[in-house]
Each structure stands twice: as C-alpha cells, then as structure tokens.
Amino acid sequence: MTQSRMNPKIDFFFNKAKKWQEEYEQLRALTLDCGLTEELKWGCPCYTFQDANIVLMHGFKEYCALLFMKGALLKDTKNILVQQTENVQAARQIRFTSVKEIVKMKSIIKNYIKEAIEIEKAGLKVKLKKPAEFKIVEEFKNALNEMPELKTAFYSLTPGRQRAYLLYFSAPKQSKTREARVEKCMKQILNGKGLND
C-alpha cells in the first residue's frame, strides 16, 4: 500500500466502518496507487488530482462504490458505470459488493481512474442542463405567477441553486407535499438563498 500518500485524517473513516471495511481498504490502496491525493470531503474519502475531485468512496446498505465526479465523460468500455438517479448529471459510480470483485477488477478500476485524471488534465467539463430545461411543477409555477417578487428572486439565484430548488419541488408525488415544500422555501428564495444555505 502507498503509505506515503495516506492521509491520517481519513483513517477514522476506515476504522469506524462496520460494513465494507475490507472493500474500502482495497479501494483506498488502488486509488492511492494511481497517484491521487487523499482528502476528506462530504464526510467521505475523496481522491484529488491537483485540487480537482476525481473520485469519492462511499458505502450504502447493498454496496460500496467509487463515485467518479465527471463519470459522464468516461468512455465506460466495460459498461460498469451507474447513474444513481436521472437527475445526476455528471457523476457515475462503480458499485462493489465484495473484496473479490474489487481484486478481480483492479486493472479495470485503475484504467477508469487514469482516464478520469486525463479528463481533468484536459480541462473537460460535463455540459449540465440549464435550469430552464428542468420541469417546473405546477405548484411552483403558480407561486411564481402570483408573486412577481418571488419570480425575480428565483431567477436571480445561481443556476445551481435554481436547479436544486426545482429538483426538490418536483420530488414528491403528492401535490400537497409539493405545495408545502414551495411554501416552506419562499422566504429563503426571497432572501436570495439556496436550498442548503
């Protein structure tokens, strides 16, 4: 294992892991072997190249995964990348359920990481959908039409903040829940704040 690039600040993540501990250790070794810098971001080990996020390691109940930040740009010759939900635009995961799987795929994983580094070196960016391309739910559309100041405030937000609100409002299946979400966020939008500010 490449001890020299291991970040001791991240050790707690691996030590506290009840599930996927061996898998994480394998993934840690091979990401560091690709010359990436280990950091802690969003509470997870994140591997960077010249301060750019390349891949993040995280775990769920059914699997652990390497999340490629610009995975949508990878060629995915082995057809192993997963788009978590239809709203995830750039990131893609490779999911694992055993150490054996990781060991078997070691060279493939390294090739994907190397390709991700090359994408970063080339300065390529994922073309994100503009907020206008997202569906605006009826409940929010009505609020925008009834309150011109809300409309002005919403369209003054950054595209990322607009997108976050649109996704948040469209997630619930019931109109009543969508309406409650719009209601709850109005003041925040009027104050020029994003969903998570």
N, C-alpha and C. Protein backbone atom coordinates (compact mmCIF):
# COMPACT_ATOMS: atom_id res chain seq x y z
N MET A 1 0.84 -1.19 0.00
CA MET A 1 0.00 0.00 0.00
C MET A 1 0.89 1.25 0.00
N THR A 2 0.42 2.30 -0.64
CA THR A 2 1.19 3.53 -0.76
C THR A 2 1.03 4.35 0.51
N GLN A 3 1.76 3.98 1.55
CA GLN A 3 1.64 4.62 2.86
C GLN A 3 1.91 6.12 2.80
N SER A 4 2.84 6.54 1.95
CA SER A 4 3.27 7.94 1.94
C SER A 4 2.15 8.92 1.61
N ARG A 5 1.20 8.51 0.80
CA ARG A 5 0.13 9.43 0.41
C ARG A 5 -1.14 9.24 1.23
N MET A 6 -1.11 8.28 2.16
CA MET A 6 -2.29 8.08 3.02
C MET A 6 -2.44 9.30 3.93
N ASN A 7 -3.62 9.78 4.04
CA ASN A 7 -3.89 10.93 4.89
C ASN A 7 -4.41 10.42 6.24
N PRO A 8 -3.64 10.58 7.31
CA PRO A 8 -4.07 10.07 8.62
C PRO A 8 -5.40 10.65 9.10
N LYS A 9 -5.76 11.83 8.58
CA LYS A 9 -7.04 12.44 8.96
C LYS A 9 -8.23 11.62 8.46
N ILE A 10 -7.98 10.76 7.49
CA ILE A 10 -9.06 9.97 6.89
C ILE A 10 -9.18 8.60 7.56
N ASP A 11 -8.15 8.20 8.31
CA ASP A 11 -8.14 6.86 8.92
C ASP A 11 -9.41 6.54 9.69
N PHE A 12 -9.97 7.54 10.37
CA PHE A 12 -11.17 7.29 11.18
C PHE A 12 -12.30 6.72 10.33
N PHE A 13 -12.41 7.17 9.08
CA PHE A 13 -13.47 6.69 8.18
C PHE A 13 -13.35 5.18 8.00
N PHE A 14 -12.13 4.73 7.76
CA PHE A 14 -11.89 3.31 7.53
C PHE A 14 -12.04 2.50 8.83
N ASN A 15 -11.59 3.08 9.94
CA ASN A 15 -11.65 2.38 11.22
C ASN A 15 -13.07 2.24 11.76
N LYS A 16 -13.91 3.25 11.50
CA LYS A 16 -15.28 3.20 12.03
C LYS A 16 -16.22 2.37 11.15
N ALA A 17 -15.80 2.09 9.94
CA ALA A 17 -16.67 1.36 9.02
C ALA A 17 -17.00 -0.03 9.56
N LYS A 18 -18.30 -0.26 9.76
CA LYS A 18 -18.72 -1.58 10.23
C LYS A 18 -18.89 -2.50 9.03
N LYS A 19 -19.34 -1.90 7.95
CA LYS A 19 -19.56 -2.66 6.72
C LYS A 19 -18.59 -2.15 5.67
N TRP A 20 -18.16 -2.99 4.79
CA TRP A 20 -17.30 -2.65 3.65
C TRP A 20 -15.87 -2.29 4.05
N GLN A 21 -15.43 -2.58 5.26
CA GLN A 21 -14.10 -2.19 5.68
C GLN A 21 -13.00 -2.74 4.78
N GLU A 22 -13.06 -4.03 4.47
CA GLU A 22 -12.03 -4.64 3.60
C GLU A 22 -12.11 -4.06 2.19
N GLU A 23 -13.32 -3.86 1.72
CA GLU A 23 -13.51 -3.29 0.38
C GLU A 23 -12.92 -1.89 0.32
N TYR A 24 -13.20 -1.08 1.36
CA TYR A 24 -12.64 0.27 1.41
C TYR A 24 -11.13 0.25 1.39
N GLU A 25 -10.52 -0.66 2.14
CA GLU A 25 -9.06 -0.74 2.19
C GLU A 25 -8.49 -1.06 0.80
N GLN A 26 -9.13 -1.96 0.09
CA GLN A 26 -8.71 -2.32 -1.28
C GLN A 26 -8.82 -1.11 -2.21
N LEU A 27 -9.96 -0.43 -2.13
CA LEU A 27 -10.20 0.74 -2.99
C LEU A 27 -9.24 1.87 -2.65
N ARG A 28 -8.95 2.02 -1.37
CA ARG A 28 -8.01 3.05 -0.92
C ARG A 28 -6.63 2.80 -1.52
N ALA A 29 -6.18 1.56 -1.43
CA ALA A 29 -4.86 1.20 -1.94
C ALA A 29 -4.76 1.47 -3.44
N LEU A 30 -5.79 1.09 -4.18
CA LEU A 30 -5.64 1.27 -5.63
C LEU A 30 -5.85 2.70 -6.10
N THR A 31 -6.64 3.50 -5.39
CA THR A 31 -6.76 4.91 -5.78
C THR A 31 -5.45 5.65 -5.47
N LEU A 32 -4.86 5.35 -4.32
CA LEU A 32 -3.59 5.99 -3.97
C LEU A 32 -2.48 5.54 -4.92
N ASP A 33 -2.59 4.31 -5.40
CA ASP A 33 -1.62 3.76 -6.34
C ASP A 33 -1.64 4.51 -7.67
N CYS A 34 -2.73 5.20 -7.94
CA CYS A 34 -2.86 5.98 -9.18
C CYS A 34 -2.32 7.40 -9.01
N GLY A 35 -1.71 7.67 -7.85
CA GLY A 35 -1.08 8.97 -7.64
C GLY A 35 -2.02 10.08 -7.20
N LEU A 36 -3.19 9.72 -6.69
CA LEU A 36 -4.15 10.73 -6.25
C LEU A 36 -3.88 11.13 -4.80
N THR A 37 -4.35 12.31 -4.43
CA THR A 37 -4.21 12.82 -3.07
C THR A 37 -5.48 12.50 -2.30
N GLU A 38 -5.31 11.99 -1.09
CA GLU A 38 -6.45 11.59 -0.27
C GLU A 38 -6.90 12.74 0.63
N GLU A 39 -8.19 13.08 0.54
CA GLU A 39 -8.75 14.15 1.36
C GLU A 39 -10.09 13.70 1.91
N LEU A 40 -10.63 14.48 2.84
CA LEU A 40 -11.95 14.19 3.38
C LEU A 40 -12.91 15.27 2.87
N LYS A 41 -13.93 14.85 2.14
CA LYS A 41 -14.94 15.78 1.63
C LYS A 41 -16.29 15.12 1.77
N TRP A 42 -17.28 15.88 2.19
CA TRP A 42 -18.64 15.36 2.37
C TRP A 42 -18.64 14.14 3.31
N GLY A 43 -17.68 14.12 4.24
CA GLY A 43 -17.60 13.03 5.20
C GLY A 43 -17.08 11.72 4.65
N CYS A 44 -16.54 11.76 3.42
CA CYS A 44 -16.05 10.55 2.76
C CYS A 44 -14.63 10.77 2.23
N PRO A 45 -13.89 9.68 2.02
CA PRO A 45 -12.58 9.82 1.37
C PRO A 45 -12.79 10.29 -0.07
N CYS A 46 -12.10 11.35 -0.42
CA CYS A 46 -12.19 11.91 -1.77
C CYS A 46 -10.76 11.96 -2.31
N TYR A 47 -10.58 11.55 -3.55
CA TYR A 47 -9.25 11.48 -4.14
C TYR A 47 -9.15 12.54 -5.23
N THR A 48 -8.13 13.38 -5.07
CA THR A 48 -8.00 14.54 -5.94
C THR A 48 -6.71 14.50 -6.77
N PHE A 49 -6.73 15.26 -7.85
CA PHE A 49 -5.56 15.46 -8.70
C PHE A 49 -5.43 16.96 -8.89
N GLN A 50 -4.35 17.54 -8.41
CA GLN A 50 -4.13 18.99 -8.47
C GLN A 50 -5.37 19.76 -8.00
N ASP A 51 -5.85 19.39 -6.83
CA ASP A 51 -7.00 20.01 -6.17
C ASP A 51 -8.36 19.78 -6.85
N ALA A 52 -8.40 18.99 -7.90
CA ALA A 52 -9.68 18.70 -8.56
C ALA A 52 -10.17 17.33 -8.06
N ASN A 53 -11.44 17.26 -7.70
CA ASN A 53 -12.03 16.00 -7.24
C ASN A 53 -12.13 15.02 -8.40
N ILE A 54 -11.55 13.84 -8.20
CA ILE A 54 -11.59 12.81 -9.25
C ILE A 54 -12.59 11.72 -8.89
N VAL A 55 -12.42 11.16 -7.69
CA VAL A 55 -13.27 10.04 -7.29
C VAL A 55 -13.51 10.08 -5.77
N LEU A 56 -14.71 9.68 -5.38
CA LEU A 56 -15.11 9.68 -3.98
C LEU A 56 -15.50 8.24 -3.62
N MET A 57 -15.17 7.83 -2.40
CA MET A 57 -15.52 6.49 -1.95
C MET A 57 -16.67 6.60 -0.96
N HIS A 58 -17.72 5.81 -1.16
CA HIS A 58 -18.82 5.83 -0.19
C HIS A 58 -19.52 4.48 -0.15
N GLY A 59 -20.30 4.28 0.91
CA GLY A 59 -20.96 3.00 1.09
C GLY A 59 -22.44 3.14 1.39
N PHE A 60 -23.16 2.13 0.99
CA PHE A 60 -24.60 2.07 1.21
C PHE A 60 -24.92 0.69 1.79
N LYS A 61 -26.18 0.43 2.01
CA LYS A 61 -26.56 -0.85 2.60
C LYS A 61 -26.18 -2.03 1.68
N GLU A 62 -26.53 -1.92 0.42
CA GLU A 62 -26.32 -3.03 -0.51
C GLU A 62 -24.96 -3.05 -1.21
N TYR A 63 -24.25 -1.93 -1.21
CA TYR A 63 -22.98 -1.86 -1.93
C TYR A 63 -22.13 -0.72 -1.43
N CYS A 64 -20.84 -0.79 -1.78
CA CYS A 64 -19.96 0.37 -1.62
C CYS A 64 -19.59 0.78 -3.04
N ALA A 65 -19.08 2.00 -3.18
CA ALA A 65 -18.86 2.48 -4.55
C ALA A 65 -17.73 3.48 -4.65
N LEU A 66 -17.20 3.58 -5.85
CA LEU A 66 -16.32 4.67 -6.24
C LEU A 66 -17.17 5.57 -7.11
N LEU A 67 -17.27 6.84 -6.73
CA LEU A 67 -18.07 7.79 -7.49
C LEU A 67 -17.13 8.69 -8.28
N PHE A 68 -17.19 8.60 -9.59
CA PHE A 68 -16.36 9.42 -10.47
C PHE A 68 -17.09 10.74 -10.70
N MET A 69 -16.46 11.84 -10.29
CA MET A 69 -17.10 13.15 -10.35
C MET A 69 -17.52 13.55 -11.77
N LYS A 70 -16.69 13.21 -12.75
CA LYS A 70 -17.03 13.51 -14.14
C LYS A 70 -17.23 12.19 -14.91
N GLY A 71 -17.86 11.25 -14.25
CA GLY A 71 -18.08 9.92 -14.82
C GLY A 71 -18.82 9.92 -16.14
N ALA A 72 -19.67 10.92 -16.35
CA ALA A 72 -20.43 11.01 -17.60
C ALA A 72 -19.50 11.17 -18.81
N LEU A 73 -18.26 11.64 -18.56
CA LEU A 73 -17.30 11.83 -19.66
C LEU A 73 -16.42 10.60 -19.91
N LEU A 74 -16.48 9.63 -19.00
CA LEU A 74 -15.66 8.42 -19.20
C LEU A 74 -16.24 7.58 -20.33
N LYS A 75 -15.36 6.86 -21.03
CA LYS A 75 -15.81 6.03 -22.17
C LYS A 75 -16.66 4.85 -21.71
N ASP A 76 -16.42 4.33 -20.52
CA ASP A 76 -17.14 3.19 -19.94
C ASP A 76 -17.16 1.99 -20.88
N THR A 77 -15.99 1.60 -21.34
CA THR A 77 -15.86 0.48 -22.28
C THR A 77 -16.36 -0.84 -21.69
N LYS A 78 -16.32 -0.98 -20.37
CA LYS A 78 -16.77 -2.22 -19.72
C LYS A 78 -18.24 -2.15 -19.28
N ASN A 79 -18.87 -1.01 -19.55
CA ASN A 79 -20.29 -0.81 -19.22
C ASN A 79 -20.59 -1.10 -17.74
N ILE A 80 -19.78 -0.51 -16.85
CA ILE A 80 -19.92 -0.76 -15.42
C ILE A 80 -20.33 0.49 -14.62
N LEU A 81 -20.42 1.63 -15.29
CA LEU A 81 -20.78 2.86 -14.58
C LEU A 81 -22.29 2.96 -14.38
N VAL A 82 -22.68 3.44 -13.19
CA VAL A 82 -24.09 3.56 -12.84
C VAL A 82 -24.41 5.03 -12.58
N GLN A 83 -25.50 5.49 -13.20
CA GLN A 83 -26.01 6.83 -12.91
C GLN A 83 -27.02 6.64 -11.78
N GLN A 84 -26.74 7.24 -10.61
CA GLN A 84 -27.56 6.98 -9.42
C GLN A 84 -29.04 7.27 -9.62
N THR A 85 -29.36 8.45 -10.15
CA THR A 85 -30.75 8.80 -10.46
C THR A 85 -30.73 9.59 -11.77
N GLU A 86 -31.87 9.78 -12.36
CA GLU A 86 -31.93 10.50 -13.63
C GLU A 86 -31.49 11.95 -13.51
N ASN A 87 -31.54 12.50 -12.27
CA ASN A 87 -31.15 13.89 -12.08
C ASN A 87 -29.66 14.09 -11.85
N VAL A 88 -28.92 13.01 -11.66
CA VAL A 88 -27.46 13.12 -11.51
C VAL A 88 -26.89 13.32 -12.91
N GLN A 89 -26.24 14.47 -13.11
CA GLN A 89 -25.79 14.79 -14.46
C GLN A 89 -24.35 14.38 -14.74
N ALA A 90 -23.44 14.61 -13.82
CA ALA A 90 -22.02 14.39 -14.09
C ALA A 90 -21.46 13.11 -13.49
N ALA A 91 -21.80 12.83 -12.25
CA ALA A 91 -21.17 11.72 -11.52
C ALA A 91 -21.70 10.35 -11.96
N ARG A 92 -20.83 9.35 -11.86
CA ARG A 92 -21.19 7.96 -12.13
C ARG A 92 -20.46 7.08 -11.13
N GLN A 93 -21.08 5.97 -10.75
CA GLN A 93 -20.50 5.05 -9.77
C GLN A 93 -20.07 3.73 -10.40
N ILE A 94 -19.06 3.13 -9.77
CA ILE A 94 -18.80 1.70 -9.98
C ILE A 94 -19.14 1.10 -8.62
N ARG A 95 -20.05 0.14 -8.60
CA ARG A 95 -20.52 -0.45 -7.35
C ARG A 95 -19.86 -1.81 -7.10
N PHE A 96 -19.64 -2.07 -5.80
CA PHE A 96 -19.00 -3.33 -5.40
C PHE A 96 -19.75 -3.95 -4.23
N THR A 97 -19.77 -5.29 -4.21
CA THR A 97 -20.41 -5.98 -3.10
C THR A 97 -19.45 -6.95 -2.41
N SER A 98 -18.20 -7.04 -2.90
CA SER A 98 -17.23 -7.93 -2.25
C SER A 98 -15.79 -7.52 -2.59
N VAL A 99 -14.87 -7.94 -1.73
CA VAL A 99 -13.44 -7.69 -1.95
C VAL A 99 -13.01 -8.42 -3.22
N LYS A 100 -13.52 -9.64 -3.37
CA LYS A 100 -13.17 -10.47 -4.54
C LYS A 100 -13.43 -9.72 -5.85
N GLU A 101 -14.59 -9.05 -5.89
CA GLU A 101 -14.98 -8.26 -7.06
C GLU A 101 -13.95 -7.17 -7.36
N ILE A 102 -13.52 -6.47 -6.32
CA ILE A 102 -12.56 -5.38 -6.47
C ILE A 102 -11.21 -5.91 -6.95
N VAL A 103 -10.76 -6.99 -6.33
CA VAL A 103 -9.47 -7.59 -6.71
C VAL A 103 -9.51 -8.02 -8.18
N LYS A 104 -10.60 -8.65 -8.59
CA LYS A 104 -10.77 -9.13 -9.97
C LYS A 104 -10.77 -7.96 -10.97
N MET A 105 -11.33 -6.82 -10.54
CA MET A 105 -11.47 -5.66 -11.44
C MET A 105 -10.35 -4.63 -11.29
N LYS A 106 -9.34 -4.94 -10.50
CA LYS A 106 -8.29 -3.99 -10.15
C LYS A 106 -7.76 -3.19 -11.35
N SER A 107 -7.35 -3.87 -12.40
CA SER A 107 -6.76 -3.16 -13.54
C SER A 107 -7.80 -2.32 -14.28
N ILE A 108 -9.03 -2.79 -14.32
CA ILE A 108 -10.12 -2.03 -14.96
C ILE A 108 -10.37 -0.74 -14.19
N ILE A 109 -10.46 -0.88 -12.85
CA ILE A 109 -10.71 0.29 -11.99
C ILE A 109 -9.59 1.32 -12.18
N LYS A 110 -8.34 0.83 -12.19
CA LYS A 110 -7.20 1.74 -12.37
C LYS A 110 -7.27 2.46 -13.71
N ASN A 111 -7.67 1.73 -14.76
CA ASN A 111 -7.80 2.36 -16.07
C ASN A 111 -8.87 3.46 -16.07
N TYR A 112 -9.97 3.22 -15.38
CA TYR A 112 -11.03 4.22 -15.28
C TYR A 112 -10.52 5.45 -14.51
N ILE A 113 -9.76 5.22 -13.43
CA ILE A 113 -9.21 6.33 -12.65
C ILE A 113 -8.22 7.12 -13.51
N LYS A 114 -7.37 6.42 -14.25
CA LYS A 114 -6.38 7.10 -15.10
C LYS A 114 -7.09 7.92 -16.18
N GLU A 115 -8.17 7.38 -16.74
CA GLU A 115 -8.92 8.12 -17.75
C GLU A 115 -9.55 9.37 -17.12
N ALA A 116 -10.05 9.24 -15.88
CA ALA A 116 -10.66 10.38 -15.18
C ALA A 116 -9.61 11.48 -14.94
N ILE A 117 -8.37 11.07 -14.64
CA ILE A 117 -7.28 12.04 -14.44
C ILE A 117 -6.98 12.75 -15.75
N GLU A 118 -6.95 12.00 -16.84
CA GLU A 118 -6.69 12.59 -18.16
C GLU A 118 -7.78 13.59 -18.54
N ILE A 119 -9.02 13.27 -18.21
CA ILE A 119 -10.15 14.19 -18.48
C ILE A 119 -9.93 15.49 -17.71
N GLU A 120 -9.47 15.37 -16.47
CA GLU A 120 -9.20 16.55 -15.64
C GLU A 120 -8.04 17.36 -16.22
N LYS A 121 -6.97 16.67 -16.62
CA LYS A 121 -5.80 17.35 -17.20
C LYS A 121 -6.20 18.12 -18.46
N ALA A 122 -7.12 17.54 -19.23
CA ALA A 122 -7.56 18.18 -20.48
C ALA A 122 -8.53 19.33 -20.22
N GLY A 123 -8.98 19.47 -18.97
CA GLY A 123 -9.90 20.56 -18.63
C GLY A 123 -11.32 20.36 -19.14
N LEU A 124 -11.68 19.11 -19.42
CA LEU A 124 -13.03 18.84 -19.94
C LEU A 124 -14.07 19.04 -18.84
N LYS A 125 -15.25 19.50 -19.26
CA LYS A 125 -16.34 19.74 -18.32
C LYS A 125 -17.60 19.03 -18.82
N VAL A 126 -18.42 18.58 -17.87
CA VAL A 126 -19.69 17.96 -18.22
C VAL A 126 -20.66 19.08 -18.55
N LYS A 127 -21.33 18.98 -19.67
CA LYS A 127 -22.31 20.00 -20.05
C LYS A 127 -23.59 19.73 -19.25
N LEU A 128 -23.85 20.62 -18.29
CA LEU A 128 -25.01 20.46 -17.42
C LEU A 128 -26.26 21.08 -18.05
N LYS A 129 -27.39 20.45 -17.75
CA LYS A 129 -28.65 21.02 -18.22
C LYS A 129 -28.86 22.36 -17.53
N LYS A 130 -29.41 23.30 -18.25
CA LYS A 130 -29.72 24.61 -17.68
C LYS A 130 -31.02 24.48 -16.86
N PRO A 131 -31.18 25.32 -15.83
CA PRO A 131 -32.42 25.24 -15.04
C PRO A 131 -33.68 25.30 -15.89
N ALA A 132 -33.63 26.05 -16.99
CA ALA A 132 -34.81 26.17 -17.86
C ALA A 132 -35.20 24.83 -18.50
N GLU A 133 -34.25 23.89 -18.54
CA GLU A 133 -34.54 22.58 -19.13
C GLU A 133 -35.21 21.63 -18.14
N PHE A 134 -35.27 22.02 -16.87
CA PHE A 134 -35.92 21.20 -15.85
C PHE A 134 -37.40 21.57 -15.79
N LYS A 135 -38.20 20.59 -15.45
CA LYS A 135 -39.65 20.80 -15.33
C LYS A 135 -39.94 21.65 -14.09
N ILE A 136 -40.81 22.64 -14.26
CA ILE A 136 -41.25 23.44 -13.12
C ILE A 136 -42.64 22.91 -12.74
N VAL A 137 -42.75 22.38 -11.53
CA VAL A 137 -44.03 21.81 -11.10
C VAL A 137 -45.10 22.89 -11.01
N GLU A 138 -46.32 22.49 -11.25
CA GLU A 138 -47.47 23.40 -11.26
C GLU A 138 -47.54 24.27 -10.00
N GLU A 139 -47.30 23.66 -8.84
CA GLU A 139 -47.41 24.38 -7.57
C GLU A 139 -46.42 25.54 -7.49
N PHE A 140 -45.20 25.34 -8.02
CA PHE A 140 -44.20 26.40 -8.01
C PHE A 140 -44.50 27.43 -9.10
N LYS A 141 -44.97 26.94 -10.25
CA LYS A 141 -45.34 27.83 -11.35
C LYS A 141 -46.41 28.81 -10.87
N ASN A 142 -47.42 28.30 -10.15
CA ASN A 142 -48.50 29.16 -9.62
C ASN A 142 -47.94 30.21 -8.67
N ALA A 143 -47.04 29.78 -7.78
CA ALA A 143 -46.44 30.72 -6.81
C ALA A 143 -45.66 31.81 -7.53
N LEU A 144 -44.92 31.44 -8.57
CA LEU A 144 -44.14 32.42 -9.34
C LEU A 144 -45.06 33.43 -10.03
N ASN A 145 -46.19 32.93 -10.57
CA ASN A 145 -47.13 33.81 -11.26
C ASN A 145 -47.87 34.74 -10.30
N GLU A 146 -48.13 34.24 -9.08
CA GLU A 146 -48.86 35.04 -8.09
C GLU A 146 -47.97 36.08 -7.41
N MET A 147 -46.68 35.81 -7.35
CA MET A 147 -45.77 36.72 -6.64
C MET A 147 -44.60 37.12 -7.55
N PRO A 148 -44.73 38.24 -8.26
CA PRO A 148 -43.65 38.66 -9.16
C PRO A 148 -42.29 38.79 -8.44
N GLU A 149 -42.32 39.20 -7.14
CA GLU A 149 -41.06 39.35 -6.41
C GLU A 149 -40.39 37.99 -6.19
N LEU A 150 -41.20 36.93 -6.07
CA LEU A 150 -40.64 35.57 -5.93
C LEU A 150 -39.98 35.15 -7.24
N LYS A 151 -40.65 35.46 -8.34
CA LYS A 151 -40.12 35.13 -9.66
C LYS A 151 -38.78 35.84 -9.88
N THR A 152 -38.73 37.12 -9.57
CA THR A 152 -37.49 37.90 -9.72
C THR A 152 -36.38 37.31 -8.85
N ALA A 153 -36.71 37.01 -7.59
CA ALA A 153 -35.72 36.47 -6.66
C ALA A 153 -35.22 35.11 -7.14
N PHE A 154 -36.15 34.26 -7.61
CA PHE A 154 -35.76 32.91 -8.06
C PHE A 154 -34.81 32.99 -9.26
N TYR A 155 -35.15 33.81 -10.24
CA TYR A 155 -34.31 33.88 -11.44
C TYR A 155 -33.02 34.68 -11.22
N SER A 156 -32.89 35.28 -10.03
CA SER A 156 -31.64 35.97 -9.68
C SER A 156 -30.66 35.00 -9.02
N LEU A 157 -31.15 33.84 -8.60
CA LEU A 157 -30.28 32.84 -7.97
C LEU A 157 -29.34 32.24 -9.01
N THR A 158 -28.25 31.66 -8.54
CA THR A 158 -27.32 30.99 -9.46
C THR A 158 -28.03 29.78 -10.09
N PRO A 159 -27.58 29.35 -11.28
CA PRO A 159 -28.21 28.19 -11.92
C PRO A 159 -28.23 26.95 -11.02
N GLY A 160 -27.17 26.74 -10.25
CA GLY A 160 -27.12 25.58 -9.36
C GLY A 160 -28.18 25.64 -8.28
N ARG A 161 -28.40 26.83 -7.73
CA ARG A 161 -29.43 27.00 -6.69
C ARG A 161 -30.82 26.82 -7.29
N GLN A 162 -31.03 27.35 -8.49
CA GLN A 162 -32.33 27.17 -9.15
C GLN A 162 -32.60 25.69 -9.38
N ARG A 163 -31.60 25.00 -9.89
CA ARG A 163 -31.71 23.57 -10.18
C ARG A 163 -32.06 22.79 -8.90
N ALA A 164 -31.39 23.12 -7.79
CA ALA A 164 -31.64 22.42 -6.52
C ALA A 164 -33.10 22.59 -6.08
N TYR A 165 -33.60 23.80 -6.19
CA TYR A 165 -35.00 24.04 -5.82
C TYR A 165 -35.95 23.27 -6.74
N LEU A 166 -35.70 23.33 -8.04
CA LEU A 166 -36.60 22.66 -8.99
C LEU A 166 -36.64 21.15 -8.73
N LEU A 167 -35.49 20.55 -8.44
CA LEU A 167 -35.45 19.12 -8.15
C LEU A 167 -36.15 18.81 -6.84
N TYR A 168 -35.95 19.66 -5.84
CA TYR A 168 -36.57 19.49 -4.53
C TYR A 168 -38.10 19.58 -4.63
N PHE A 169 -38.58 20.55 -5.39
CA PHE A 169 -40.03 20.74 -5.53
C PHE A 169 -40.68 19.62 -6.34
N SER A 170 -39.95 19.05 -7.29
CA SER A 170 -40.56 18.04 -8.16
C SER A 170 -40.48 16.62 -7.59
N ALA A 171 -39.70 16.42 -6.53
CA ALA A 171 -39.51 15.07 -5.98
C ALA A 171 -40.78 14.41 -5.42
N PRO A 172 -41.61 15.10 -4.61
CA PRO A 172 -42.79 14.44 -4.04
C PRO A 172 -43.84 14.08 -5.09
N LYS A 173 -44.52 12.96 -4.85
CA LYS A 173 -45.56 12.53 -5.78
C LYS A 173 -46.87 13.29 -5.54
N GLN A 174 -47.15 13.67 -4.29
CA GLN A 174 -48.41 14.33 -3.97
C GLN A 174 -48.30 15.85 -4.10
N SER A 175 -49.34 16.42 -4.68
CA SER A 175 -49.40 17.87 -4.87
C SER A 175 -49.30 18.62 -3.54
N LYS A 176 -49.97 18.10 -2.52
CA LYS A 176 -49.99 18.73 -1.20
C LYS A 176 -48.56 18.86 -0.65
N THR A 177 -47.75 17.83 -0.83
CA THR A 177 -46.37 17.85 -0.35
C THR A 177 -45.53 18.83 -1.15
N ARG A 178 -45.74 18.85 -2.47
CA ARG A 178 -45.02 19.81 -3.32
C ARG A 178 -45.36 21.23 -2.90
N GLU A 179 -46.64 21.47 -2.66
CA GLU A 179 -47.12 22.79 -2.23
C GLU A 179 -46.47 23.21 -0.91
N ALA A 180 -46.39 22.28 0.02
CA ALA A 180 -45.80 22.55 1.34
C ALA A 180 -44.31 22.90 1.19
N ARG A 181 -43.63 22.21 0.29
CA ARG A 181 -42.22 22.50 0.06
C ARG A 181 -42.02 23.89 -0.53
N VAL A 182 -42.86 24.25 -1.49
CA VAL A 182 -42.78 25.58 -2.11
C VAL A 182 -43.01 26.64 -1.03
N GLU A 183 -44.08 26.45 -0.24
CA GLU A 183 -44.41 27.36 0.86
C GLU A 183 -43.22 27.56 1.78
N LYS A 184 -42.63 26.44 2.20
CA LYS A 184 -41.53 26.44 3.16
C LYS A 184 -40.29 27.19 2.63
N CYS A 185 -40.08 27.16 1.34
CA CYS A 185 -38.86 27.72 0.75
C CYS A 185 -39.00 29.16 0.25
N MET A 186 -40.21 29.67 0.21
CA MET A 186 -40.42 31.00 -0.35
C MET A 186 -39.54 32.07 0.30
N LYS A 187 -39.53 32.12 1.62
CA LYS A 187 -38.77 33.14 2.34
C LYS A 187 -37.28 33.05 1.99
N GLN A 188 -36.79 31.81 1.93
CA GLN A 188 -35.39 31.58 1.61
C GLN A 188 -35.04 32.11 0.20
N ILE A 189 -35.94 31.82 -0.75
CA ILE A 189 -35.72 32.28 -2.12
C ILE A 189 -35.75 33.82 -2.15
N LEU A 190 -36.74 34.42 -1.46
CA LEU A 190 -36.86 35.88 -1.42
C LEU A 190 -35.63 36.53 -0.79
N ASN A 191 -34.95 35.80 0.10
CA ASN A 191 -33.72 36.30 0.73
C ASN A 191 -32.47 36.00 -0.10
N GLY A 192 -32.69 35.43 -1.30
CA GLY A 192 -31.57 35.16 -2.20
C GLY A 192 -30.71 33.97 -1.78
N LYS A 193 -31.29 33.10 -0.99
CA LYS A 193 -30.54 31.94 -0.50
C LYS A 193 -30.91 30.67 -1.23
N GLY A 194 -29.94 29.77 -1.33
CA GLY A 194 -30.17 28.47 -1.94
C GLY A 194 -30.82 27.51 -0.96
N LEU A 195 -31.20 26.37 -1.43
CA LEU A 195 -31.89 25.36 -0.65
C LEU A 195 -31.10 24.96 0.60
N ASN A 196 -29.80 24.84 0.48
CA ASN A 196 -28.97 24.37 1.59
C ASN A 196 -28.11 25.45 2.23
N ASP A 197 -28.44 26.72 1.97
CA ASP A 197 -27.64 27.82 2.56
C ASP A 197 -28.02 28.05 4.01
